[in-house]
N, C-alpha and C. Protein backbone atom coordinates (compact mmCIF):
# COMPACT_ATOMS: atom_id res chain seq x y z
N MET A 1 23.93 38.26 19.04
CA MET A 1 22.84 37.51 19.67
C MET A 1 21.67 37.11 18.69
N ILE A 2 21.46 37.95 17.74
CA ILE A 2 20.32 37.69 16.77
C ILE A 2 20.87 36.33 15.86
N LYS A 3 22.08 36.62 15.59
CA LYS A 3 22.68 35.44 14.78
C LYS A 3 22.65 33.94 15.38
N LYS A 4 22.89 33.97 16.72
CA LYS A 4 22.86 32.81 17.59
C LYS A 4 21.55 32.37 17.64
N THR A 5 20.49 33.29 17.79
CA THR A 5 19.12 32.90 18.03
C THR A 5 18.56 32.30 16.54
N LEU A 6 19.09 32.95 15.57
CA LEU A 6 18.66 32.56 14.20
C LEU A 6 19.11 31.31 13.93
N LEU A 7 20.45 30.92 14.27
CA LEU A 7 21.09 29.68 14.06
C LEU A 7 20.41 28.68 14.68
N PHE A 8 20.09 28.85 16.02
CA PHE A 8 19.49 27.91 17.00
C PHE A 8 17.96 27.52 16.35
N LEU A 9 17.40 28.75 15.88
CA LEU A 9 16.00 28.47 15.52
C LEU A 9 15.99 27.49 14.31
N LEU A 10 16.96 27.83 13.28
CA LEU A 10 17.07 27.02 12.12
C LEU A 10 17.45 25.57 12.34
N PHE A 11 18.37 25.26 13.29
CA PHE A 11 18.89 24.09 13.74
C PHE A 11 17.61 23.30 14.26
N GLY A 12 16.91 23.93 15.21
CA GLY A 12 15.64 23.18 15.80
C GLY A 12 14.71 22.85 14.66
N ILE A 13 14.40 23.82 13.53
CA ILE A 13 13.46 23.38 12.61
C ILE A 13 13.93 22.30 11.91
N SER A 14 15.33 22.25 11.48
CA SER A 14 15.82 21.26 10.70
C SER A 14 15.58 19.88 11.53
N LEU A 15 15.85 19.92 12.89
CA LEU A 15 15.80 18.65 13.52
C LEU A 15 14.26 18.27 13.65
N PHE A 16 13.42 19.11 13.80
CA PHE A 16 12.02 18.90 13.90
C PHE A 16 11.61 18.10 12.50
N ALA A 17 12.02 18.87 11.35
CA ALA A 17 11.76 18.12 10.07
C ALA A 17 12.17 16.76 9.88
N GLN A 18 13.43 16.63 10.35
CA GLN A 18 14.02 15.26 10.38
C GLN A 18 13.26 14.21 11.07
N ALA A 19 12.72 14.69 12.38
CA ALA A 19 12.09 14.01 13.26
C ALA A 19 10.65 13.65 12.66
N ARG A 20 10.07 14.31 11.93
CA ARG A 20 8.69 14.20 11.31
C ARG A 20 8.76 13.36 10.08
N GLN A 21 9.77 13.05 9.40
CA GLN A 21 10.04 12.25 8.30
C GLN A 21 9.61 10.82 8.80
N LYS A 22 9.07 10.17 7.97
CA LYS A 22 8.73 8.82 8.17
C LYS A 22 9.78 7.78 8.04
N SER A 23 9.93 6.75 8.71
CA SER A 23 10.95 5.83 8.56
C SER A 23 10.55 4.92 7.32
N ASP A 24 11.57 4.24 6.94
CA ASP A 24 11.27 3.34 5.64
C ASP A 24 10.15 2.45 5.97
N GLU A 25 10.40 1.70 7.23
CA GLU A 25 9.30 0.80 7.58
C GLU A 25 7.85 1.45 7.78
N GLU A 26 7.73 2.74 8.15
CA GLU A 26 6.50 3.40 8.12
C GLU A 26 6.05 3.70 6.79
N GLN A 27 7.05 4.09 5.84
CA GLN A 27 6.56 4.42 4.36
C GLN A 27 6.20 3.31 3.67
N ILE A 28 6.75 2.07 3.97
CA ILE A 28 6.40 0.74 3.31
C ILE A 28 4.92 0.24 3.67
N GLN A 29 4.82 0.40 4.98
CA GLN A 29 3.47 0.10 5.57
C GLN A 29 2.30 1.15 4.93
N GLN A 30 2.65 2.37 4.92
CA GLN A 30 1.73 3.24 4.30
C GLN A 30 1.66 3.15 2.77
N LEU A 31 2.60 2.53 2.10
CA LEU A 31 2.61 2.16 0.62
C LEU A 31 1.40 1.03 0.55
N ILE A 32 1.50 0.06 1.44
CA ILE A 32 0.52 -0.92 1.32
C ILE A 32 -0.72 -0.38 1.39
N GLN A 33 -0.98 0.30 2.58
CA GLN A 33 -2.44 0.72 2.88
C GLN A 33 -2.89 1.66 1.56
N ASP A 34 -1.92 2.51 1.13
CA ASP A 34 -2.37 3.58 -0.03
C ASP A 34 -2.61 2.76 -1.27
N SER A 35 -1.84 1.71 -1.51
CA SER A 35 -2.01 1.05 -2.71
C SER A 35 -3.29 0.37 -2.64
N PHE A 36 -3.77 -0.29 -1.75
CA PHE A 36 -5.06 -0.86 -1.54
C PHE A 36 -6.19 0.16 -1.63
N ASP A 37 -6.08 1.24 -0.89
CA ASP A 37 -7.03 2.26 -1.05
C ASP A 37 -7.31 2.88 -2.37
N VAL A 38 -6.15 3.13 -2.97
CA VAL A 38 -6.29 3.86 -4.44
C VAL A 38 -6.65 2.80 -5.47
N LEU A 39 -6.00 1.64 -5.42
CA LEU A 39 -6.05 0.89 -6.50
C LEU A 39 -7.30 -0.13 -6.28
N PHE A 40 -7.34 -0.98 -5.31
CA PHE A 40 -8.31 -1.93 -5.04
C PHE A 40 -9.70 -1.52 -4.59
N SER A 41 -9.62 -0.22 -3.98
CA SER A 41 -10.91 0.25 -3.62
C SER A 41 -11.52 1.32 -4.56
N SER A 42 -10.63 2.12 -5.09
CA SER A 42 -11.04 3.05 -6.15
C SER A 42 -10.88 2.69 -7.56
N PHE A 43 -10.07 1.61 -7.88
CA PHE A 43 -9.72 1.27 -9.11
C PHE A 43 -9.24 2.33 -10.04
N ASP A 44 -8.44 3.08 -9.30
CA ASP A 44 -7.69 4.23 -10.11
C ASP A 44 -6.44 3.73 -10.70
N SER A 45 -6.83 3.10 -12.03
CA SER A 45 -5.61 2.47 -12.80
C SER A 45 -4.53 3.57 -13.22
N GLU A 46 -4.92 4.86 -13.30
CA GLU A 46 -3.89 6.05 -13.55
C GLU A 46 -2.81 6.07 -12.73
N ARG A 47 -3.01 5.55 -11.42
CA ARG A 47 -1.95 5.72 -10.33
C ARG A 47 -1.26 4.50 -10.12
N ILE A 48 -1.41 3.50 -10.93
CA ILE A 48 -0.60 2.27 -10.60
C ILE A 48 0.93 2.56 -10.57
N GLY A 49 1.40 3.19 -11.16
CA GLY A 49 3.01 3.50 -11.13
C GLY A 49 3.45 4.19 -9.78
N GLU A 50 2.55 4.75 -9.08
CA GLU A 50 2.88 5.21 -7.76
C GLU A 50 2.99 4.23 -6.71
N PHE A 51 2.61 2.98 -7.12
CA PHE A 51 2.60 1.90 -5.99
C PHE A 51 3.43 0.84 -6.51
N TYR A 52 3.41 0.52 -7.84
CA TYR A 52 4.19 -0.85 -8.43
C TYR A 52 5.17 -0.52 -9.22
N THR A 53 6.23 -1.34 -9.43
CA THR A 53 7.26 -1.20 -10.47
C THR A 53 6.66 -1.85 -11.80
N GLU A 54 7.37 -1.59 -12.84
CA GLU A 54 7.03 -1.97 -13.97
C GLU A 54 6.89 -3.52 -14.26
N ASP A 55 7.69 -4.26 -13.53
CA ASP A 55 7.66 -5.73 -13.64
C ASP A 55 6.99 -6.39 -12.33
N PHE A 56 6.03 -5.45 -11.49
CA PHE A 56 5.19 -5.97 -10.47
C PHE A 56 4.42 -7.27 -10.77
N ILE A 57 4.46 -8.26 -9.88
CA ILE A 57 3.32 -9.33 -10.02
C ILE A 57 2.79 -9.47 -8.70
N LEU A 58 1.55 -9.96 -8.83
CA LEU A 58 0.69 -10.29 -7.76
C LEU A 58 0.27 -11.80 -7.89
N LEU A 59 0.59 -12.59 -6.76
CA LEU A 59 0.34 -13.99 -6.68
C LEU A 59 -1.03 -14.12 -5.94
N GLU A 60 -2.13 -14.38 -6.67
CA GLU A 60 -3.47 -14.16 -6.13
C GLU A 60 -4.16 -15.52 -6.28
N ASP A 61 -4.34 -16.15 -5.14
CA ASP A 61 -5.20 -17.47 -5.22
C ASP A 61 -4.75 -18.42 -6.39
N GLY A 62 -3.37 -18.67 -6.51
CA GLY A 62 -2.85 -19.45 -7.30
C GLY A 62 -2.76 -19.03 -8.83
N GLU A 63 -2.92 -17.72 -9.04
CA GLU A 63 -2.83 -17.09 -10.42
C GLU A 63 -1.82 -15.95 -10.34
N VAL A 64 -1.11 -15.80 -11.31
CA VAL A 64 -0.10 -14.68 -11.49
C VAL A 64 -0.66 -13.54 -12.30
N TRP A 65 -0.86 -12.53 -11.53
CA TRP A 65 -1.48 -11.19 -12.11
C TRP A 65 -0.18 -10.14 -12.38
N ASP A 66 -0.26 -9.76 -13.76
CA ASP A 66 0.77 -8.67 -13.98
C ASP A 66 0.00 -7.47 -14.13
N HIS A 67 0.59 -6.39 -14.55
CA HIS A 67 -0.07 -4.97 -14.88
C HIS A 67 -1.36 -5.24 -15.58
N GLN A 68 -1.18 -5.78 -16.63
CA GLN A 68 -2.54 -5.88 -17.61
C GLN A 68 -3.48 -6.81 -16.93
N LYS A 69 -3.25 -7.83 -16.22
CA LYS A 69 -4.42 -8.63 -15.58
C LYS A 69 -4.98 -7.63 -14.54
N ILE A 70 -4.22 -6.74 -13.88
CA ILE A 70 -4.85 -5.96 -12.90
C ILE A 70 -5.65 -4.90 -13.33
N LEU A 71 -5.16 -4.35 -14.53
CA LEU A 71 -5.82 -3.22 -15.27
C LEU A 71 -7.02 -3.85 -15.91
N ASP A 72 -7.07 -4.97 -16.31
CA ASP A 72 -8.44 -5.49 -16.84
C ASP A 72 -9.31 -5.78 -15.79
N TYR A 73 -9.00 -6.05 -14.54
CA TYR A 73 -9.68 -6.46 -13.48
C TYR A 73 -10.43 -4.99 -13.09
N PHE A 74 -9.74 -3.93 -13.05
CA PHE A 74 -10.07 -2.71 -12.73
C PHE A 74 -11.14 -2.11 -13.84
N ALA A 75 -10.91 -2.33 -14.97
CA ALA A 75 -11.77 -1.94 -16.02
C ALA A 75 -13.20 -2.70 -15.93
N LYS A 76 -13.17 -3.94 -15.57
CA LYS A 76 -14.40 -4.74 -15.31
C LYS A 76 -15.10 -4.20 -14.18
N ALA A 77 -14.30 -3.89 -13.08
CA ALA A 77 -15.06 -3.47 -11.91
C ALA A 77 -15.63 -2.10 -12.11
N LYS A 78 -15.13 -1.41 -12.89
CA LYS A 78 -15.72 -0.01 -13.11
C LYS A 78 -17.04 0.00 -13.94
N LEU A 79 -17.26 -1.17 -14.73
CA LEU A 79 -18.43 -1.33 -15.34
C LEU A 79 -19.56 -1.68 -14.52
N ASN A 80 -19.34 -2.05 -13.36
CA ASN A 80 -20.44 -2.44 -12.28
C ASN A 80 -21.25 -1.17 -12.18
N PRO A 81 -22.85 -1.50 -12.48
CA PRO A 81 -23.67 -0.41 -12.18
C PRO A 81 -23.92 -0.11 -10.73
N ASN A 82 -23.69 -1.15 -9.92
CA ASN A 82 -24.09 -0.99 -8.65
C ASN A 82 -22.82 -1.52 -7.63
N PRO A 83 -21.72 -0.64 -7.88
CA PRO A 83 -20.54 -1.06 -7.14
C PRO A 83 -20.65 -1.10 -5.61
N THR A 84 -19.79 -1.85 -5.22
CA THR A 84 -19.40 -2.10 -3.79
C THR A 84 -18.44 -1.09 -3.15
N THR A 85 -18.33 -0.78 -1.97
CA THR A 85 -17.30 -0.02 -1.24
C THR A 85 -16.54 -1.03 -0.44
N ARG A 86 -15.20 -0.73 -0.70
CA ARG A 86 -14.26 -1.54 0.13
C ARG A 86 -13.37 -0.88 1.06
N ILE A 87 -13.36 -1.15 2.23
CA ILE A 87 -12.48 -0.41 3.45
C ILE A 87 -11.51 -1.53 3.78
N ASN A 88 -10.16 -1.07 3.63
CA ASN A 88 -9.04 -1.90 3.88
C ASN A 88 -8.55 -1.56 5.39
N ARG A 89 -8.15 -2.63 6.09
CA ARG A 89 -7.43 -2.47 7.26
C ARG A 89 -6.35 -3.51 7.39
N PHE A 90 -5.20 -3.08 7.84
CA PHE A 90 -4.03 -3.96 7.93
C PHE A 90 -3.53 -4.29 9.36
N ASP A 91 -3.09 -5.28 9.58
CA ASP A 91 -2.34 -5.65 10.78
C ASP A 91 -0.94 -6.27 10.46
N PHE A 92 0.07 -5.44 10.65
CA PHE A 92 1.42 -5.57 10.04
C PHE A 92 2.11 -6.59 10.99
N VAL A 93 2.44 -7.74 10.51
CA VAL A 93 3.25 -8.77 11.30
C VAL A 93 4.68 -8.37 11.40
N LYS A 94 5.33 -8.34 10.24
CA LYS A 94 6.65 -7.88 10.28
C LYS A 94 7.06 -7.10 8.96
N THR A 95 7.92 -6.07 9.15
CA THR A 95 8.68 -5.24 8.17
C THR A 95 9.98 -5.23 8.19
N THR A 96 10.74 -5.75 7.23
CA THR A 96 12.32 -5.76 7.28
C THR A 96 12.66 -4.88 6.10
N VAL A 97 13.72 -3.98 6.39
CA VAL A 97 14.34 -3.35 5.58
C VAL A 97 15.77 -3.52 5.45
N SER A 98 16.28 -3.80 4.16
CA SER A 98 17.87 -3.96 4.05
C SER A 98 18.21 -3.22 2.91
N GLY A 99 18.73 -2.05 3.23
CA GLY A 99 19.17 -1.24 1.97
C GLY A 99 17.93 -0.67 1.15
N ASP A 100 17.99 -0.84 -0.15
CA ASP A 100 16.86 -0.51 -0.98
C ASP A 100 15.91 -1.43 -1.19
N ARG A 101 16.01 -2.61 -0.40
CA ARG A 101 14.97 -3.74 -0.72
C ARG A 101 14.34 -3.95 0.78
N ALA A 102 13.09 -4.27 0.66
CA ALA A 102 12.29 -4.60 1.80
C ALA A 102 11.26 -5.72 1.70
N TRP A 103 10.80 -6.35 2.79
CA TRP A 103 9.77 -7.11 2.68
C TRP A 103 8.86 -6.94 3.92
N VAL A 104 7.60 -7.30 3.59
CA VAL A 104 6.55 -7.13 4.78
C VAL A 104 5.57 -8.29 4.76
N ALA A 105 5.13 -8.65 5.97
CA ALA A 105 4.10 -9.60 6.16
C ALA A 105 3.09 -8.97 6.87
N TYR A 106 1.69 -9.44 6.70
CA TYR A 106 0.70 -8.60 7.27
C TYR A 106 -0.72 -9.36 7.02
N HIS A 107 -1.69 -9.12 7.81
CA HIS A 107 -3.04 -9.39 7.65
C HIS A 107 -3.85 -8.35 6.92
N ASN A 108 -4.50 -8.65 5.87
CA ASN A 108 -5.35 -7.65 5.13
C ASN A 108 -6.65 -7.90 5.32
N TYR A 109 -7.54 -7.01 5.98
CA TYR A 109 -8.96 -7.22 6.24
C TYR A 109 -9.67 -6.23 5.30
N ALA A 110 -10.61 -6.75 4.66
CA ALA A 110 -11.46 -5.90 3.78
C ALA A 110 -13.00 -5.99 4.19
N THR A 111 -13.60 -4.92 4.39
CA THR A 111 -15.09 -4.91 4.51
C THR A 111 -15.68 -4.31 3.36
N ILE A 112 -16.44 -5.21 2.68
CA ILE A 112 -17.19 -5.02 1.56
C ILE A 112 -18.77 -4.45 1.83
N SER A 113 -19.07 -3.27 1.36
CA SER A 113 -20.42 -2.72 1.45
C SER A 113 -21.11 -2.43 0.27
N ARG A 114 -22.46 -2.35 0.35
CA ARG A 114 -23.13 -1.82 -0.85
C ARG A 114 -24.36 -1.08 -0.12
N ASP A 115 -24.64 0.14 -0.60
CA ASP A 115 -25.64 1.05 -0.04
C ASP A 115 -25.53 1.00 1.55
N GLY A 116 -24.40 1.12 2.04
CA GLY A 116 -24.25 1.30 3.36
C GLY A 116 -24.42 -0.07 4.26
N GLN A 117 -24.66 -1.14 3.71
CA GLN A 117 -24.78 -2.53 4.30
C GLN A 117 -23.67 -3.35 3.95
N VAL A 118 -22.98 -4.06 5.05
CA VAL A 118 -21.92 -4.78 4.94
C VAL A 118 -22.32 -6.07 4.13
N VAL A 119 -21.66 -6.39 3.08
CA VAL A 119 -21.96 -7.46 2.21
C VAL A 119 -21.17 -8.70 2.62
N ARG A 120 -20.05 -8.46 2.89
CA ARG A 120 -19.12 -9.51 3.37
C ARG A 120 -17.72 -8.92 3.91
N GLN A 121 -17.02 -9.84 4.80
CA GLN A 121 -15.74 -9.46 5.31
C GLN A 121 -14.81 -10.42 4.85
N VAL A 122 -13.59 -9.99 4.42
CA VAL A 122 -12.69 -10.92 3.82
C VAL A 122 -11.34 -10.58 4.53
N GLU A 123 -10.60 -11.69 4.75
CA GLU A 123 -9.02 -11.70 5.26
C GLU A 123 -8.20 -12.34 4.51
N TRP A 124 -7.11 -11.75 4.24
CA TRP A 124 -5.92 -12.45 3.53
C TRP A 124 -4.68 -12.34 4.57
N LEU A 125 -3.96 -13.37 4.39
CA LEU A 125 -2.42 -13.26 4.96
C LEU A 125 -1.61 -13.03 3.77
N GLU A 126 -0.89 -11.87 3.85
CA GLU A 126 -0.17 -11.42 2.60
C GLU A 126 1.48 -11.12 2.90
N SER A 127 2.21 -11.17 1.89
CA SER A 127 3.48 -10.77 1.91
C SER A 127 3.75 -9.95 0.64
N ALA A 128 4.65 -9.10 0.83
CA ALA A 128 5.13 -8.20 -0.31
C ALA A 128 6.44 -7.85 -0.25
N THR A 129 7.23 -7.60 -1.41
CA THR A 129 8.56 -7.15 -1.41
C THR A 129 8.40 -5.77 -2.16
N ALA A 130 9.32 -4.84 -1.63
CA ALA A 130 9.48 -3.54 -2.31
C ALA A 130 10.91 -3.05 -2.56
N VAL A 131 11.08 -2.27 -3.42
CA VAL A 131 12.53 -1.70 -3.82
C VAL A 131 12.28 -0.09 -3.64
N LYS A 132 13.42 0.41 -3.25
CA LYS A 132 13.43 1.90 -3.18
C LYS A 132 13.88 2.43 -4.41
N THR A 133 13.15 3.25 -4.94
CA THR A 133 13.35 3.89 -6.32
C THR A 133 13.66 5.40 -6.08
N PRO A 134 14.13 6.25 -7.19
CA PRO A 134 14.32 7.59 -7.00
C PRO A 134 13.00 8.37 -6.68
N GLU A 135 11.92 7.73 -7.01
CA GLU A 135 10.47 8.34 -6.67
C GLU A 135 10.00 7.94 -5.39
N GLY A 136 10.68 6.92 -4.74
CA GLY A 136 10.16 6.45 -3.36
C GLY A 136 9.90 5.01 -3.42
N TRP A 137 9.45 4.37 -2.40
CA TRP A 137 9.32 2.80 -2.35
C TRP A 137 8.17 2.49 -3.40
N ARG A 138 8.47 1.18 -4.15
CA ARG A 138 7.41 0.64 -4.98
C ARG A 138 7.28 -0.89 -4.45
N LEU A 139 6.18 -1.30 -4.70
CA LEU A 139 6.05 -2.71 -4.66
C LEU A 139 6.43 -3.46 -5.87
N ASP A 140 7.17 -4.63 -5.76
CA ASP A 140 7.41 -5.32 -6.94
C ASP A 140 6.76 -6.59 -6.92
N MET A 141 6.36 -7.35 -5.76
CA MET A 141 5.85 -8.46 -5.79
C MET A 141 4.88 -8.36 -4.31
N LEU A 142 3.68 -9.10 -4.59
CA LEU A 142 2.62 -9.20 -3.54
C LEU A 142 2.07 -10.70 -3.62
N HIS A 143 2.00 -11.47 -2.53
CA HIS A 143 1.54 -12.77 -2.44
C HIS A 143 0.44 -12.75 -1.57
N SER A 144 -0.61 -13.42 -2.06
CA SER A 144 -2.01 -13.21 -1.15
C SER A 144 -2.48 -14.41 -0.89
N THR A 145 -2.86 -14.81 0.28
CA THR A 145 -3.64 -16.08 0.58
C THR A 145 -4.74 -15.69 1.33
N ARG A 146 -5.88 -16.01 0.80
CA ARG A 146 -7.07 -15.88 1.34
C ARG A 146 -7.43 -16.81 2.51
N LEU A 147 -7.98 -16.31 3.62
CA LEU A 147 -8.20 -17.15 4.75
C LEU A 147 -9.74 -17.44 4.89
N GLU A 148 -10.04 -18.48 5.41
CA GLU A 148 -11.50 -18.79 5.52
C GLU A 148 -12.11 -17.93 6.70
N ALA A 149 -13.32 -17.66 6.55
CA ALA A 149 -14.00 -16.88 7.72
C ALA A 149 -13.95 -17.81 9.00
N LYS A 150 -13.65 -17.05 10.08
CA LYS A 150 -13.55 -17.87 11.28
C LYS A 150 -14.95 -17.95 11.92
């Protein structure tokens, strides 16, 4: 009886753990959120590899940004003696996963504040592609189109 109870309990725990794991779609959407919060809000250049592949590119307002251009942007932002705070919010339009590849389309909303006062609000329509690596999902391309204020 104890063995059956223990077996049932272990089986239940295993099912619960599987149910709590995030789907690939959820992981990719979380990757987008975390990448902006860590990289473009905190400028934590040490963590870029947690979010981007080595050959990652960002297509930003007609420019191609690679790792170095992003790192240069972070270094310049860190020199600002009176930095702003950026809060990111996303509205996901579609996320498609096919094996170890995925793409996602979303609206990116940023609220920029300084000393507790909103300085501006910015919106982009973006798409990204991701690849599943042994370390988890990583973005390999992001395309960003800034939208005019409504």
